[in-house]
Amino acid sequence: ALRIGWADEVMERVWLGSADAAKLDSLQRRNITHVINVTEDLKFHGEEAGLKCLRLPVDDHPSEKLRPYIFPACEFINEGLRGGGSILVHCR
């Protein structure tokens, strides 16, 4: 896997990182077109730049139920990849 700054490329054009990777300059450097924000309240940094954004309001706790978020996340990732984009999934 490729690592650049605060994000790891976990598969081709899909990055996993912290909120630091979601800053606009980092998004633009990686040609990110889609952002999944896996937090309840952190600001989106890509909306003002026209990036497609999805919030998954997950509480950062080991007992959090993730099942309801899997399908929407996969659909969003597939949409981005089909369109030739790159995706960042980030939490705090």
N, C-alpha and C. Protein backbone atom coordinates (compact mmCIF):
# COMPACT_ATOMS: atom_id res chain seq x y z
N ALA A 1 0.84 -1.19 0.00
CA ALA A 1 0.00 0.00 0.00
C ALA A 1 0.88 1.25 0.00
N LEU A 2 0.44 2.25 -0.68
CA LEU A 2 1.15 3.52 -0.78
C LEU A 2 0.73 4.41 0.38
N ARG A 3 1.70 5.08 1.00
CA ARG A 3 1.39 6.01 2.09
C ARG A 3 1.91 7.38 1.72
N ILE A 4 1.00 8.36 1.78
CA ILE A 4 1.38 9.74 1.54
C ILE A 4 0.83 10.57 2.69
N GLY A 5 1.72 11.12 3.49
CA GLY A 5 1.28 11.96 4.61
C GLY A 5 0.40 11.19 5.57
N TRP A 6 -0.82 11.64 5.71
CA TRP A 6 -1.73 11.10 6.70
C TRP A 6 -2.68 10.06 6.14
N ALA A 7 -2.44 9.54 4.93
CA ALA A 7 -3.36 8.59 4.32
C ALA A 7 -2.60 7.43 3.69
N ASP A 8 -3.26 6.27 3.66
CA ASP A 8 -2.73 5.08 3.01
C ASP A 8 -3.65 4.72 1.85
N GLU A 9 -3.06 4.37 0.72
CA GLU A 9 -3.86 3.89 -0.40
C GLU A 9 -4.11 2.41 -0.15
N VAL A 10 -5.34 2.06 0.25
CA VAL A 10 -5.67 0.69 0.65
C VAL A 10 -6.06 -0.17 -0.55
N MET A 11 -6.46 0.43 -1.62
CA MET A 11 -6.64 -0.21 -2.92
C MET A 11 -6.53 0.91 -3.94
N GLU A 12 -6.40 0.56 -5.19
CA GLU A 12 -6.18 1.59 -6.20
C GLU A 12 -7.26 2.66 -6.13
N ARG A 13 -6.83 3.92 -5.91
CA ARG A 13 -7.67 5.12 -5.86
C ARG A 13 -8.60 5.19 -4.65
N VAL A 14 -8.35 4.37 -3.64
CA VAL A 14 -9.13 4.44 -2.40
C VAL A 14 -8.14 4.63 -1.24
N TRP A 15 -8.29 5.75 -0.56
CA TRP A 15 -7.39 6.14 0.51
C TRP A 15 -8.11 6.09 1.85
N LEU A 16 -7.37 5.74 2.88
CA LEU A 16 -7.89 5.69 4.24
C LEU A 16 -6.98 6.55 5.11
N GLY A 17 -7.58 7.51 5.83
CA GLY A 17 -6.74 8.39 6.61
C GLY A 17 -7.47 9.07 7.73
N SER A 18 -6.77 9.97 8.37
CA SER A 18 -7.31 10.75 9.48
C SER A 18 -7.91 12.04 8.93
N ALA A 19 -8.44 12.84 9.84
CA ALA A 19 -9.00 14.13 9.44
C ALA A 19 -7.95 15.03 8.80
N ASP A 20 -6.69 14.85 9.18
CA ASP A 20 -5.63 15.66 8.56
C ASP A 20 -5.53 15.41 7.06
N ALA A 21 -5.85 14.21 6.61
CA ALA A 21 -5.81 13.90 5.18
C ALA A 21 -6.97 14.54 4.44
N ALA A 22 -7.98 15.02 5.18
CA ALA A 22 -9.17 15.60 4.55
C ALA A 22 -9.07 17.10 4.33
N LYS A 23 -7.94 17.68 4.64
CA LYS A 23 -7.76 19.11 4.38
C LYS A 23 -7.68 19.33 2.87
N LEU A 24 -8.19 20.45 2.42
CA LEU A 24 -8.34 20.69 0.99
C LEU A 24 -7.05 20.52 0.21
N ASP A 25 -5.93 21.00 0.72
CA ASP A 25 -4.68 20.86 -0.03
C ASP A 25 -4.28 19.39 -0.19
N SER A 26 -4.53 18.58 0.84
CA SER A 26 -4.23 17.14 0.75
C SER A 26 -5.15 16.47 -0.25
N LEU A 27 -6.43 16.85 -0.24
CA LEU A 27 -7.39 16.26 -1.18
C LEU A 27 -6.98 16.58 -2.62
N GLN A 28 -6.62 17.81 -2.86
CA GLN A 28 -6.24 18.22 -4.21
C GLN A 28 -4.94 17.55 -4.65
N ARG A 29 -3.99 17.40 -3.74
CA ARG A 29 -2.72 16.76 -4.06
C ARG A 29 -2.91 15.31 -4.51
N ARG A 30 -3.90 14.63 -3.94
CA ARG A 30 -4.17 13.23 -4.28
C ARG A 30 -5.24 13.07 -5.35
N ASN A 31 -5.73 14.19 -5.89
CA ASN A 31 -6.80 14.17 -6.89
C ASN A 31 -8.04 13.44 -6.36
N ILE A 32 -8.36 13.68 -5.10
CA ILE A 32 -9.54 13.08 -4.49
C ILE A 32 -10.78 13.77 -5.05
N THR A 33 -11.76 12.98 -5.45
CA THR A 33 -13.02 13.51 -5.97
C THR A 33 -14.20 13.23 -5.04
N HIS A 34 -14.04 12.23 -4.15
CA HIS A 34 -15.10 11.80 -3.25
C HIS A 34 -14.53 11.65 -1.84
N VAL A 35 -15.27 12.13 -0.85
CA VAL A 35 -14.82 12.04 0.53
C VAL A 35 -15.92 11.42 1.38
N ILE A 36 -15.55 10.40 2.14
CA ILE A 36 -16.45 9.84 3.14
C ILE A 36 -15.92 10.26 4.50
N ASN A 37 -16.72 11.06 5.18
CA ASN A 37 -16.39 11.60 6.49
C ASN A 37 -17.06 10.70 7.53
N VAL A 38 -16.26 9.88 8.22
CA VAL A 38 -16.80 8.92 9.18
C VAL A 38 -16.70 9.52 10.58
N THR A 39 -17.41 10.63 10.76
CA THR A 39 -17.49 11.29 12.06
C THR A 39 -18.90 11.86 12.19
N GLU A 40 -19.24 12.19 13.41
CA GLU A 40 -20.55 12.79 13.64
C GLU A 40 -20.56 14.29 13.37
N ASP A 41 -19.38 14.93 13.45
CA ASP A 41 -19.43 16.38 13.45
C ASP A 41 -18.27 17.12 12.77
N LEU A 42 -17.25 16.43 12.30
CA LEU A 42 -16.14 17.16 11.68
C LEU A 42 -16.57 17.80 10.37
N LYS A 43 -16.05 18.98 10.14
CA LYS A 43 -16.37 19.76 8.93
C LYS A 43 -15.86 19.05 7.68
N PHE A 44 -16.62 19.19 6.60
CA PHE A 44 -16.15 18.74 5.28
C PHE A 44 -15.27 19.83 4.70
N HIS A 45 -14.09 19.45 4.21
CA HIS A 45 -13.19 20.44 3.61
C HIS A 45 -13.27 20.44 2.10
N GLY A 46 -13.98 19.49 1.50
CA GLY A 46 -14.00 19.41 0.06
C GLY A 46 -15.25 19.94 -0.59
N GLU A 47 -16.31 20.16 0.18
CA GLU A 47 -17.58 20.60 -0.41
C GLU A 47 -17.43 21.92 -1.16
N GLU A 48 -16.71 22.86 -0.57
CA GLU A 48 -16.57 24.17 -1.21
C GLU A 48 -15.76 24.08 -2.51
N ALA A 49 -15.01 23.00 -2.68
CA ALA A 49 -14.22 22.80 -3.90
C ALA A 49 -14.96 21.92 -4.91
N GLY A 50 -16.21 21.57 -4.61
CA GLY A 50 -17.01 20.78 -5.54
C GLY A 50 -16.82 19.28 -5.44
N LEU A 51 -16.17 18.81 -4.38
CA LEU A 51 -16.02 17.37 -4.21
C LEU A 51 -17.33 16.77 -3.72
N LYS A 52 -17.57 15.51 -4.07
CA LYS A 52 -18.75 14.82 -3.57
C LYS A 52 -18.43 14.30 -2.18
N CYS A 53 -19.35 14.53 -1.24
CA CYS A 53 -19.09 14.19 0.16
C CYS A 53 -20.25 13.38 0.74
N LEU A 54 -19.89 12.41 1.57
CA LEU A 54 -20.86 11.59 2.27
C LEU A 54 -20.44 11.54 3.74
N ARG A 55 -21.40 11.83 4.62
CA ARG A 55 -21.12 11.71 6.05
C ARG A 55 -21.74 10.40 6.56
N LEU A 56 -20.93 9.64 7.28
CA LEU A 56 -21.40 8.48 8.01
C LEU A 56 -21.24 8.83 9.48
N PRO A 57 -22.33 9.16 10.18
CA PRO A 57 -22.24 9.68 11.54
C PRO A 57 -21.94 8.59 12.56
N VAL A 58 -20.73 8.10 12.52
CA VAL A 58 -20.30 7.00 13.37
C VAL A 58 -19.63 7.56 14.62
N ASP A 59 -20.04 7.05 15.77
CA ASP A 59 -19.40 7.40 17.02
C ASP A 59 -18.11 6.59 17.12
N ASP A 60 -17.02 7.25 17.47
CA ASP A 60 -15.72 6.58 17.55
C ASP A 60 -15.65 5.77 18.84
N HIS A 61 -16.31 4.63 18.83
CA HIS A 61 -16.40 3.77 20.01
C HIS A 61 -16.43 2.32 19.57
N PRO A 62 -15.73 1.41 20.27
CA PRO A 62 -15.66 0.01 19.84
C PRO A 62 -17.02 -0.69 19.71
N SER A 63 -18.03 -0.24 20.44
CA SER A 63 -19.32 -0.91 20.37
C SER A 63 -20.25 -0.34 19.30
N GLU A 64 -19.78 0.66 18.56
CA GLU A 64 -20.61 1.27 17.51
C GLU A 64 -21.00 0.23 16.47
N LYS A 65 -22.25 0.24 16.09
CA LYS A 65 -22.76 -0.68 15.06
C LYS A 65 -22.45 -0.09 13.67
N LEU A 66 -21.64 -0.80 12.88
CA LEU A 66 -21.22 -0.29 11.56
C LEU A 66 -22.06 -0.83 10.42
N ARG A 67 -22.79 -1.90 10.64
CA ARG A 67 -23.55 -2.54 9.56
C ARG A 67 -24.43 -1.57 8.76
N PRO A 68 -25.15 -0.63 9.41
CA PRO A 68 -26.00 0.27 8.62
C PRO A 68 -25.25 1.16 7.64
N TYR A 69 -23.95 1.29 7.82
CA TYR A 69 -23.16 2.21 7.00
C TYR A 69 -22.42 1.52 5.85
N ILE A 70 -22.34 0.20 5.89
CA ILE A 70 -21.55 -0.52 4.89
C ILE A 70 -22.08 -0.32 3.48
N PHE A 71 -23.37 -0.54 3.27
CA PHE A 71 -23.94 -0.42 1.92
C PHE A 71 -23.81 1.00 1.37
N PRO A 72 -24.21 2.04 2.12
CA PRO A 72 -24.03 3.40 1.57
C PRO A 72 -22.57 3.73 1.25
N ALA A 73 -21.65 3.27 2.10
CA ALA A 73 -20.23 3.54 1.85
C ALA A 73 -19.76 2.85 0.57
N CYS A 74 -20.13 1.59 0.40
CA CYS A 74 -19.72 0.84 -0.80
C CYS A 74 -20.32 1.45 -2.06
N GLU A 75 -21.57 1.86 -2.01
CA GLU A 75 -22.21 2.50 -3.16
C GLU A 75 -21.48 3.79 -3.54
N PHE A 76 -21.15 4.58 -2.55
CA PHE A 76 -20.47 5.85 -2.78
C PHE A 76 -19.08 5.62 -3.37
N ILE A 77 -18.35 4.65 -2.82
CA ILE A 77 -17.02 4.31 -3.34
C ILE A 77 -17.13 3.82 -4.78
N ASN A 78 -18.06 2.93 -5.05
CA ASN A 78 -18.23 2.41 -6.41
C ASN A 78 -18.59 3.51 -7.39
N GLU A 79 -19.45 4.43 -6.97
CA GLU A 79 -19.82 5.57 -7.83
C GLU A 79 -18.57 6.36 -8.21
N GLY A 80 -17.74 6.64 -7.22
CA GLY A 80 -16.52 7.40 -7.47
C GLY A 80 -15.56 6.67 -8.39
N LEU A 81 -15.37 5.39 -8.15
CA LEU A 81 -14.45 4.61 -8.99
C LEU A 81 -14.96 4.47 -10.41
N ARG A 82 -16.26 4.22 -10.56
CA ARG A 82 -16.84 4.11 -11.92
C ARG A 82 -16.66 5.39 -12.71
N GLY A 83 -16.69 6.52 -12.01
CA GLY A 83 -16.53 7.81 -12.68
C GLY A 83 -15.07 8.21 -12.86
N GLY A 84 -14.14 7.33 -12.50
CA GLY A 84 -12.73 7.63 -12.67
C GLY A 84 -12.13 8.42 -11.52
N GLY A 85 -12.87 8.57 -10.44
CA GLY A 85 -12.40 9.37 -9.32
C GLY A 85 -11.55 8.60 -8.32
N SER A 86 -11.13 9.33 -7.30
CA SER A 86 -10.40 8.76 -6.17
C SER A 86 -11.15 9.13 -4.90
N ILE A 87 -11.10 8.24 -3.91
CA ILE A 87 -11.92 8.39 -2.72
C ILE A 87 -11.04 8.42 -1.47
N LEU A 88 -11.37 9.32 -0.55
CA LEU A 88 -10.76 9.31 0.77
C LEU A 88 -11.84 8.96 1.77
N VAL A 89 -11.56 7.97 2.60
CA VAL A 89 -12.40 7.63 3.75
C VAL A 89 -11.61 8.06 4.97
N HIS A 90 -12.20 8.93 5.79
CA HIS A 90 -11.46 9.41 6.96
C HIS A 90 -12.33 9.45 8.20
N CYS A 91 -11.65 9.35 9.33
CA CYS A 91 -12.30 9.55 10.63
C CYS A 91 -11.56 10.70 11.31
N ARG A 92 -11.51 10.69 12.59
CA ARG A 92 -10.84 11.78 13.32
C ARG A 92 -9.36 11.68 13.12
